[in-house]
Amino acid sequence: MNVLIIGNGGREHALAWKIKQSPLCFNLFIAPGNAGTASVGNNIDIAVDDFSALGKYCIKASIDLMVVGPEGPLVKGIRDYFESQELLKHILMVGPGQSGARLEGSKDFSKQFMLRNNVPTAKAKTFQVHQLTEAFTYVETVNSPIVLKADGLAAGKGVIICESVPEAKENLREMLEGQKFGEASVKVLIEEFLEGIELSVFVLTDGNDYVILPEAKDYKRISDKDQGLNTGGMGAVSPVVFADVAFMKKVEEKVIKPTVTGLQKENIPYKGFIFIGLMNVAGEPYVIEYNARMGDPETEAVMPRLQGDFLELLIATAQGKLKGKSISVIDNHAVTVFMVSGGYPGDFEKSKIIEGLNQHDDTLVFLAGTKLLGHNVITDGGRVIAVTGVGATLLEARQKAYQRIASIKWEGAYYRSDIALDLQRLEEGLH
């Protein structure tokens, strides 16, 4: 089978690495890819949202299956485009159409979907710029801290947690009047804050049946102890110590089943990933958000834990034949730490030569914001490299990741030193 992965991040490198292991994979292409994906497949220099060029390439390369990594092309309707073209509609695809991608593309739609389908979630109300006075009045009725969410896509940075009413009002004005997140903040949700521990649960569904993949926890803030600005993700851990069998059963019954049933009930076809951002509130799962694709950096921690043919599962998803399918999960731990460019998530410099990538050990190095320049790999983004350590224990996995990171260098490289420490302490407290 000829497979095309859309995207150029660490997530896409991890997906490519896993898909390439399948005996069903004949040729593997990644558009546009990065320096890491080039080592497991063929990079194609086409933008993720250039649907016409992607379609022409799919015909030329006889692509059988397309796996869409990032949310952008899903929300813009890549599936809808392919299904509308006579020469492309036969191509299997993992990723929902525009109607399903609204679960991620619109926080307001997503929230209303949860409420309609009795999925446990925080109370929230949506406002637009002409309702700023009403929004200010509503904010005064919400207990602090107050959560503000841009309705549209904001590259993982559209959520602001405000410690006071004045701070919330100031940010509301910046988001609605000042268009802080551009089109994404034309609408803003004011949401109650949930006290608990976050985790992410990943589901593959063909719209009728589903397979639950390993859960993970990611780390969004730039600095240790969850301080500083939000980022696209500074690290991830899988499994999550508090997500025991009893908790995951609640997630399946109270969240996953109503979500899949809700899609059916509302006639929203869905063949792809559903990333469910959860808060564990005193042992009960509450949904913070849905995403219409796998997470990044969570994918880099989840893929190494899968045993068996992942491509077979993706094909079954795209064909609508997931019923009775499953995939084995290895009973180990994975810790992913992201190395980023100095200055990220603000201004940063690119084109720094990366050293130390050729060392061979049993860690996994997934490349993200990188490109090839002659024989060198150079930085080409804010989040540059995801290093994943895998071990029998959380401690072992964490040690391996940080030992490997110590050998990778470029000018201005930065990473958090505390990824997984909170779960390690929690695990120690449980024993």
Protein backbone atom coordinates (compact mmCIF):
# COMPACT_ATOMS: atom_id res chain seq x y z
CA MET A 1 0.00 0.00 0.00
CA ASN A 2 1.25 3.49 -0.89
CA VAL A 3 0.73 5.84 2.06
CA LEU A 4 0.89 9.64 2.21
CA ILE A 5 1.18 11.40 5.59
CA ILE A 6 0.28 15.09 5.67
CA GLY A 7 2.35 17.28 8.01
CA ASN A 8 5.88 18.19 9.05
CA GLY A 9 6.09 17.86 12.85
CA GLY A 10 7.34 15.38 15.42
CA ARG A 11 3.88 13.79 15.33
CA GLU A 12 4.29 13.03 11.62
CA HIS A 13 7.80 11.61 12.15
CA ALA A 14 6.43 9.31 14.88
CA LEU A 15 3.49 8.23 12.67
CA ALA A 16 5.84 7.61 9.73
CA TRP A 17 8.22 5.60 11.95
CA LYS A 18 5.35 3.39 13.12
CA ILE A 19 3.61 3.00 9.74
CA LYS A 20 6.91 2.10 8.03
CA GLN A 21 7.18 -0.97 10.29
CA SER A 22 4.05 -2.51 8.70
CA PRO A 23 4.51 -5.21 6.05
CA LEU A 24 1.48 -3.61 4.35
CA CYS A 25 3.46 -0.40 3.69
CA PHE A 26 4.98 -0.38 0.21
CA ASN A 27 5.90 3.27 -0.39
CA LEU A 28 5.70 5.99 2.27
CA PHE A 29 5.50 9.70 1.42
CA ILE A 30 5.28 12.72 3.74
CA ALA A 31 4.14 16.18 2.62
CA PRO A 32 6.01 18.35 3.31
CA GLY A 33 7.87 16.33 5.98
CA ASN A 34 11.06 17.26 7.80
CA ALA A 35 14.63 16.03 8.27
CA GLY A 36 13.35 13.11 10.40
CA THR A 37 10.62 11.88 8.07
CA ALA A 38 13.21 11.87 5.26
CA SER A 39 14.95 8.97 7.07
CA VAL A 40 11.86 6.70 6.93
CA GLY A 41 10.07 7.84 3.76
CA ASN A 42 10.11 10.28 0.85
CA ASN A 43 9.45 13.96 1.58
CA ILE A 44 7.26 15.77 -0.94
CA ASP A 45 7.52 19.56 -1.08
CA ILE A 46 3.80 20.37 -1.01
CA ALA A 47 2.06 22.51 1.61
CA VAL A 48 -0.48 20.78 3.88
CA ASP A 49 -3.32 22.98 2.60
CA ASP A 50 -2.51 22.91 -1.13
CA PHE A 51 -5.28 20.41 -1.84
CA SER A 52 -4.99 20.67 -5.64
CA ALA A 53 -1.24 19.88 -5.66
CA LEU A 54 -1.73 17.09 -3.11
CA GLY A 55 -4.46 15.59 -5.27
CA LYS A 56 -2.29 15.65 -8.40
CA TYR A 57 0.57 14.02 -6.50
CA CYS A 58 -1.74 11.30 -5.14
CA ILE A 59 -2.72 10.37 -8.71
CA LYS A 60 0.92 10.45 -9.89
CA ALA A 61 2.19 8.30 -6.97
CA SER A 62 -0.86 5.97 -6.87
CA ILE A 63 -1.57 6.79 -3.22
CA ASP A 64 -3.92 4.31 -1.54
CA LEU A 65 -4.19 5.87 1.94
CA MET A 66 -3.75 9.39 3.26
CA VAL A 67 -3.20 10.08 6.98
CA VAL A 68 -3.77 13.73 7.91
CA GLY A 69 -1.56 14.81 10.81
CA PRO A 70 -2.38 18.47 11.66
CA GLU A 71 -5.74 20.11 12.27
CA GLY A 72 -5.42 22.90 9.66
CA PRO A 73 -6.17 20.87 6.51
CA LEU A 74 -8.95 18.95 8.29
CA VAL A 75 -10.75 22.13 9.33
CA LYS A 76 -10.24 23.56 5.82
CA GLY A 77 -11.88 20.46 4.32
CA ILE A 78 -9.21 18.24 2.77
CA ARG A 79 -11.53 15.21 2.95
CA ASP A 80 -14.40 17.17 1.39
CA TYR A 81 -12.11 18.24 -1.47
CA PHE A 82 -10.91 14.70 -2.18
CA GLU A 83 -14.42 13.25 -1.96
CA SER A 84 -15.67 15.87 -4.45
CA GLN A 85 -13.07 14.90 -7.10
CA GLU A 86 -13.85 11.92 -9.35
CA LEU A 87 -10.17 10.91 -9.62
CA LEU A 88 -9.50 11.22 -5.87
CA LYS A 89 -12.60 9.99 -4.05
CA HIS A 90 -11.39 6.35 -4.03
CA ILE A 91 -8.35 7.27 -1.88
CA LEU A 92 -8.77 6.09 1.69
CA MET A 93 -8.30 8.79 4.32
CA VAL A 94 -7.77 8.93 8.09
CA GLY A 95 -9.22 12.25 9.20
CA PRO A 96 -12.76 13.64 9.36
CA GLY A 97 -14.48 15.99 6.91
CA GLN A 98 -15.20 19.63 7.72
CA SER A 99 -18.37 18.79 9.66
CA GLY A 100 -16.49 16.41 12.00
CA ALA A 101 -13.44 18.67 12.25
CA ARG A 102 -15.68 21.31 13.87
CA LEU A 103 -15.09 19.36 17.09
CA GLU A 104 -11.69 21.06 17.04
CA GLY A 105 -12.23 23.97 14.66
CA SER A 106 -14.94 25.62 16.79
CA LYS A 107 -14.80 25.58 20.58
CA ASP A 108 -18.39 26.84 20.61
CA PHE A 109 -19.66 24.00 18.38
CA SER A 110 -17.64 21.52 20.43
CA LYS A 111 -19.09 22.76 23.74
CA GLN A 112 -22.66 22.67 22.42
CA PHE A 113 -22.05 19.14 21.05
CA MET A 114 -20.93 17.99 24.51
CA LEU A 115 -23.97 19.54 26.17
CA ARG A 116 -26.39 18.06 23.62
CA ASN A 117 -24.90 14.60 24.08
CA ASN A 118 -24.50 14.62 27.88
CA VAL A 119 -20.71 14.53 27.81
CA PRO A 120 -19.42 15.86 31.19
CA THR A 121 -17.77 19.25 30.71
CA ALA A 122 -17.29 22.63 32.40
CA LYS A 123 -20.03 25.27 32.22
CA ALA A 124 -19.34 27.92 29.58
CA LYS A 125 -20.91 30.77 27.63
CA THR A 126 -19.86 32.21 24.25
CA PHE A 127 -19.61 35.92 23.36
CA GLN A 128 -18.77 38.03 20.30
CA VAL A 129 -17.35 41.55 20.05
CA HIS A 130 -20.78 43.28 20.04
CA GLN A 131 -21.53 41.46 23.32
CA LEU A 132 -18.46 42.73 25.17
CA THR A 133 -20.52 44.52 27.86
CA GLU A 134 -22.55 41.32 28.45
CA ALA A 135 -19.30 39.33 28.58
CA PHE A 136 -17.95 41.69 31.26
CA THR A 137 -21.15 41.24 33.28
CA TYR A 138 -21.00 37.45 32.91
CA VAL A 139 -17.32 37.32 33.97
CA GLU A 140 -18.29 38.89 37.29
CA THR A 141 -20.51 35.86 38.03
CA VAL A 142 -17.76 33.28 37.38
CA ASN A 143 -15.48 32.05 40.17
CA SER A 144 -11.75 32.70 39.69
CA PRO A 145 -9.63 31.48 38.05
CA ILE A 146 -11.54 32.16 34.81
CA VAL A 147 -10.82 30.31 31.56
CA LEU A 148 -11.04 32.18 28.23
CA LYS A 149 -10.96 30.17 25.00
CA ALA A 150 -10.71 31.47 21.45
CA ASP A 151 -13.39 29.72 19.39
CA GLY A 152 -11.19 28.90 16.39
CA LEU A 153 -7.75 27.39 15.76
CA ALA A 154 -4.93 29.24 17.53
CA ALA A 155 -2.04 26.75 17.29
CA GLY A 156 -2.65 25.49 20.83
CA LYS A 157 -2.26 28.98 22.30
CA GLY A 158 -5.87 30.23 22.33
CA VAL A 159 -6.60 29.40 25.98
CA ILE A 160 -5.93 31.96 28.73
CA ILE A 161 -6.40 31.24 32.43
CA CYS A 162 -7.08 34.49 34.32
CA GLU A 163 -6.60 34.76 38.07
CA SER A 164 -9.00 37.70 38.55
CA VAL A 165 -12.02 39.44 37.03
CA PRO A 166 -10.00 42.55 35.93
CA GLU A 167 -7.44 40.30 34.21
CA ALA A 168 -10.25 38.39 32.48
CA LYS A 169 -11.85 41.65 31.27
CA GLU A 170 -8.53 42.92 29.92
CA ASN A 171 -7.94 39.68 28.00
CA LEU A 172 -11.53 39.58 26.73
CA ARG A 173 -11.07 43.06 25.28
CA GLU A 174 -7.76 42.04 23.66
CA MET A 175 -9.27 38.85 22.21
CA LEU A 176 -12.58 40.28 20.93
CA GLU A 177 -11.78 43.92 20.11
CA GLY A 178 -8.05 43.60 19.56
CA GLN A 179 -8.37 40.28 17.69
CA LYS A 180 -5.45 38.87 19.69
CA PHE A 181 -5.81 35.52 17.91
CA GLY A 182 -7.13 36.93 14.62
CA GLU A 183 -10.16 35.12 13.20
CA ALA A 184 -9.86 32.49 15.95
CA SER A 185 -11.09 34.95 18.60
CA VAL A 186 -14.10 36.37 16.74
CA LYS A 187 -15.97 34.34 19.36
CA VAL A 188 -14.64 33.67 22.88
CA LEU A 189 -15.86 31.13 25.42
CA ILE A 190 -15.85 32.09 29.10
CA GLU A 191 -15.56 28.82 30.98
CA GLU A 192 -15.47 27.71 34.60
CA PHE A 193 -12.10 26.43 35.81
CA LEU A 194 -11.90 22.74 36.67
CA GLU A 195 -9.56 21.73 39.51
CA GLY A 196 -7.80 18.43 38.80
CA ILE A 197 -5.10 16.72 36.73
CA GLU A 198 -5.15 16.80 32.94
CA LEU A 199 -4.66 13.90 30.57
CA SER A 200 -5.36 13.08 26.95
CA VAL A 201 -7.20 10.03 25.66
CA PHE A 202 -6.94 9.00 22.00
CA VAL A 203 -9.55 7.12 20.04
CA LEU A 204 -9.59 5.81 16.47
CA THR A 205 -13.14 5.61 15.14
CA ASP A 206 -14.79 4.78 11.84
CA GLY A 207 -17.95 6.55 12.99
CA ASN A 208 -19.54 3.38 14.37
CA ASP A 209 -16.85 1.43 16.22
CA TYR A 210 -13.72 2.60 17.99
CA VAL A 211 -10.36 1.50 19.37
CA ILE A 212 -8.89 3.25 22.41
CA LEU A 213 -5.16 4.00 22.12
CA PRO A 214 -2.82 4.58 25.11
CA GLU A 215 -3.52 7.72 27.12
CA ALA A 216 -0.90 10.41 27.71
CA LYS A 217 -0.28 13.61 29.68
CA ASP A 218 1.39 16.60 28.05
CA TYR A 219 3.14 19.67 29.44
CA LYS A 220 2.08 22.95 27.84
CA ARG A 221 4.01 25.71 29.66
CA ILE A 222 7.48 26.75 28.53
CA SER A 223 9.17 26.63 31.96
CA ASP A 224 9.61 24.13 34.80
CA LYS A 225 6.81 23.80 37.36
CA ASP A 226 4.31 24.76 34.64
CA GLN A 227 5.36 28.40 34.61
CA GLY A 228 5.49 30.85 31.72
CA LEU A 229 3.77 31.03 28.37
CA ASN A 230 1.74 28.30 26.72
CA THR A 231 3.46 26.36 23.93
CA GLY A 232 2.51 23.65 21.47
CA GLY A 233 3.79 21.16 24.07
CA MET A 234 7.11 20.69 25.89
CA GLY A 235 6.82 16.97 26.66
CA ALA A 236 4.51 14.03 27.24
CA VAL A 237 4.21 10.85 29.31
CA SER A 238 2.38 7.57 28.68
CA PRO A 239 0.83 5.77 30.54
CA VAL A 240 -0.64 8.17 33.10
CA VAL A 241 -0.38 6.79 36.63
CA PHE A 242 -3.83 7.91 37.83
CA ALA A 243 -5.64 6.65 34.71
CA ASP A 244 -6.29 3.21 36.19
CA VAL A 245 -8.77 0.64 34.88
CA ALA A 246 -11.67 2.10 36.91
CA PHE A 247 -11.04 5.66 35.68
CA MET A 248 -10.63 4.58 32.04
CA LYS A 249 -13.89 2.63 32.27
CA LYS A 250 -15.61 5.87 33.31
CA VAL A 251 -13.96 7.65 30.38
CA GLU A 252 -15.27 5.02 27.97
CA GLU A 253 -18.82 4.96 29.36
CA LYS A 254 -19.28 8.68 30.10
CA VAL A 255 -17.20 10.26 27.34
CA ILE A 256 -16.19 8.01 24.43
CA LYS A 257 -19.48 6.19 23.89
CA PRO A 258 -21.67 9.35 24.08
CA THR A 259 -19.23 11.13 21.72
CA VAL A 260 -19.33 8.43 19.02
CA THR A 261 -23.10 7.99 19.46
CA GLY A 262 -23.52 11.78 19.25
CA LEU A 263 -21.69 11.88 15.90
CA GLN A 264 -24.00 9.17 14.57
CA LYS A 265 -27.12 10.89 15.94
CA GLU A 266 -26.14 14.22 14.38
CA ASN A 267 -25.27 12.57 11.02
CA ILE A 268 -21.63 13.62 11.20
CA PRO A 269 -19.51 11.02 9.34
CA TYR A 270 -16.19 10.52 11.11
CA LYS A 271 -13.24 8.32 10.12
CA GLY A 272 -10.16 9.31 12.08
CA PHE A 273 -8.68 10.19 15.43
CA ILE A 274 -10.52 11.87 18.27
CA PHE A 275 -8.17 13.40 20.83
CA ILE A 276 -10.08 13.95 24.05
CA GLY A 277 -8.53 16.44 26.46
CA LEU A 278 -9.74 15.49 29.93
CA MET A 279 -9.57 16.73 33.47
CA ASN A 280 -9.65 14.15 36.27
CA VAL A 281 -11.75 15.95 38.88
CA ALA A 282 -11.82 13.85 42.07
CA GLY A 283 -11.88 10.65 40.02
CA GLU A 284 -14.47 11.85 37.49
CA PRO A 285 -13.60 12.66 33.84
CA TYR A 286 -14.60 16.07 32.42
CA VAL A 287 -13.89 16.99 28.79
CA ILE A 288 -11.86 20.17 28.31
CA GLU A 289 -11.63 19.89 24.53
CA TYR A 290 -11.77 17.65 21.50
CA ASN A 291 -9.17 17.60 18.76
CA ALA A 292 -9.74 15.96 15.38
CA ARG A 293 -6.25 14.42 15.15
CA MET A 294 -3.48 12.96 17.26
CA GLY A 295 -1.66 15.23 19.68
CA ASP A 296 1.88 16.50 19.42
CA PRO A 297 3.97 15.71 21.54
CA GLU A 298 1.67 12.91 22.78
CA THR A 299 2.03 10.87 19.56
CA GLU A 300 5.78 10.63 20.21
CA ALA A 301 5.02 8.94 23.57
CA VAL A 302 2.06 6.81 22.38
CA MET A 303 3.46 5.25 19.15
CA PRO A 304 6.40 3.48 20.89
CA ARG A 305 3.91 1.71 23.19
CA LEU A 306 1.89 0.14 20.36
CA GLN A 307 2.66 -3.46 19.48
CA GLY A 308 1.42 -4.83 16.19
CA ASP A 309 0.41 -3.46 12.82
CA PHE A 310 -0.77 0.13 13.25
CA LEU A 311 -1.23 0.61 9.50
CA GLU A 312 -3.71 -2.27 9.45
CA LEU A 313 -5.75 -0.40 12.07
CA LEU A 314 -5.61 2.83 10.05
CA ILE A 315 -6.80 1.04 6.90
CA ALA A 316 -9.70 -0.53 8.82
CA THR A 317 -10.63 2.93 10.16
CA ALA A 318 -10.62 4.47 6.67
CA GLN A 319 -12.64 1.56 5.25
CA GLY A 320 -15.24 1.68 8.04
CA LYS A 321 -14.26 -1.80 9.18
CA LEU A 322 -13.01 -1.23 12.75
CA LYS A 323 -15.52 -3.64 14.29
CA GLY A 324 -13.67 -6.35 16.23
CA LYS A 325 -10.25 -4.74 15.65
CA SER A 326 -7.75 -3.99 18.43
CA ILE A 327 -4.07 -3.29 18.96
CA SER A 328 -1.80 -4.50 21.73
CA VAL A 329 -0.17 -2.03 24.09
CA ILE A 330 3.24 -2.82 25.57
CA ASP A 331 3.33 -2.64 29.37
CA ASN A 332 6.10 -0.05 29.51
CA HIS A 333 6.57 3.68 30.03
CA ALA A 334 7.44 6.40 27.53
CA VAL A 335 8.67 9.89 28.41
CA THR A 336 9.01 12.49 25.64
CA VAL A 337 10.93 15.73 26.17
CA PHE A 338 10.88 18.48 23.54
CA MET A 339 14.01 20.48 22.75
CA VAL A 340 13.07 23.93 21.44
CA SER A 341 14.72 26.99 19.93
CA GLY A 342 15.85 29.69 22.38
CA GLY A 343 13.17 32.39 22.64
CA TYR A 344 10.28 30.06 21.73
CA PRO A 345 7.27 30.53 21.97
CA GLY A 346 8.26 34.14 21.20
CA ASP A 347 10.84 35.17 18.61
CA PHE A 348 13.57 32.67 17.83
CA GLU A 349 16.32 32.16 15.26
CA LYS A 350 16.39 29.35 12.69
CA SER A 351 19.13 27.60 10.69
CA LYS A 352 21.24 26.50 13.68
CA ILE A 353 23.27 23.33 13.00
CA ILE A 354 22.23 20.43 15.25
CA GLU A 355 24.97 18.15 16.59
CA GLY A 356 24.76 14.75 18.27
CA LEU A 357 21.95 13.17 16.26
CA ASN A 358 23.98 10.20 15.08
CA GLN A 359 24.50 8.60 18.48
CA HIS A 360 22.78 5.21 18.58
CA ASP A 361 21.06 3.91 21.71
CA ASP A 362 17.57 2.67 22.52
CA THR A 363 15.98 6.12 22.80
CA LEU A 364 13.85 7.47 19.96
CA VAL A 365 14.62 10.87 18.44
CA PHE A 366 11.69 12.34 16.52
CA LEU A 367 12.47 15.48 14.53
CA ALA A 368 10.01 18.36 14.25
CA GLY A 369 11.08 21.90 13.20
CA THR A 370 14.10 20.76 11.20
CA LYS A 371 15.34 20.57 7.62
CA LEU A 372 18.31 19.19 5.75
CA LEU A 373 21.03 21.53 4.50
CA GLY A 374 23.69 19.50 2.71
CA HIS A 375 24.89 16.89 5.20
CA ASN A 376 23.64 18.89 8.20
CA VAL A 377 20.31 18.92 10.00
CA ILE A 378 19.40 22.50 10.92
CA THR A 379 16.68 24.05 13.06
CA ASP A 380 13.63 25.28 11.14
CA GLY A 381 11.01 25.96 13.81
CA GLY A 382 10.28 26.61 17.48
CA ARG A 383 9.82 23.01 18.61
CA VAL A 384 12.78 21.18 17.12
CA ILE A 385 13.33 17.67 18.52
CA ALA A 386 11.24 15.27 20.61
CA VAL A 387 13.38 12.75 22.50
CA THR A 388 11.49 9.71 23.81
CA GLY A 389 12.89 7.36 26.42
CA VAL A 390 11.17 4.01 26.86
CA GLY A 391 11.64 1.87 29.97
CA ALA A 392 10.10 -0.68 32.28
CA THR A 393 9.47 2.09 34.81
CA LEU A 394 8.67 5.78 34.61
CA LEU A 395 12.01 6.57 36.27
CA GLU A 396 13.98 4.52 33.73
CA ALA A 397 12.13 6.09 30.76
CA ARG A 398 12.73 9.58 32.13
CA GLN A 399 16.44 8.96 32.76
CA LYS A 400 16.93 7.63 29.23
CA ALA A 401 15.25 10.66 27.65
CA TYR A 402 17.36 13.17 29.59
CA GLN A 403 20.61 11.23 29.06
CA ARG A 404 20.03 11.34 25.30
CA ILE A 405 19.13 15.04 25.36
CA ALA A 406 22.47 15.83 27.00
CA SER A 407 24.24 14.65 23.82
CA ILE A 408 22.22 16.81 21.38
CA LYS A 409 23.33 20.40 20.95
CA TRP A 410 22.72 23.55 18.94
CA GLU A 411 23.10 27.24 19.71
CA GLY A 412 20.27 28.37 21.99
CA ALA A 413 18.70 24.93 22.59
CA TYR A 414 16.29 24.82 25.54
CA TYR A 415 14.15 22.17 27.25
CA ARG A 416 12.26 21.67 30.50
CA SER A 417 14.06 19.64 33.14
CA ASP A 418 10.96 18.45 35.00
CA ILE A 419 8.91 16.47 32.46
CA ALA A 420 7.22 13.48 34.20
CA LEU A 421 8.53 14.48 37.66
CA ASP A 422 5.00 15.19 38.91
CA LEU A 423 3.78 11.74 37.83
CA GLN A 424 6.89 10.12 39.30
CA ARG A 425 6.12 11.70 42.68
CA LEU A 426 2.46 10.76 42.36
CA GLU A 427 3.42 7.17 41.56
CA GLU A 428 5.75 7.04 44.56
CA GLY A 429 2.93 8.38 46.76
CA LEU A 430 0.56 5.67 45.53
CA HIS A 431 2.96 2.84 46.43
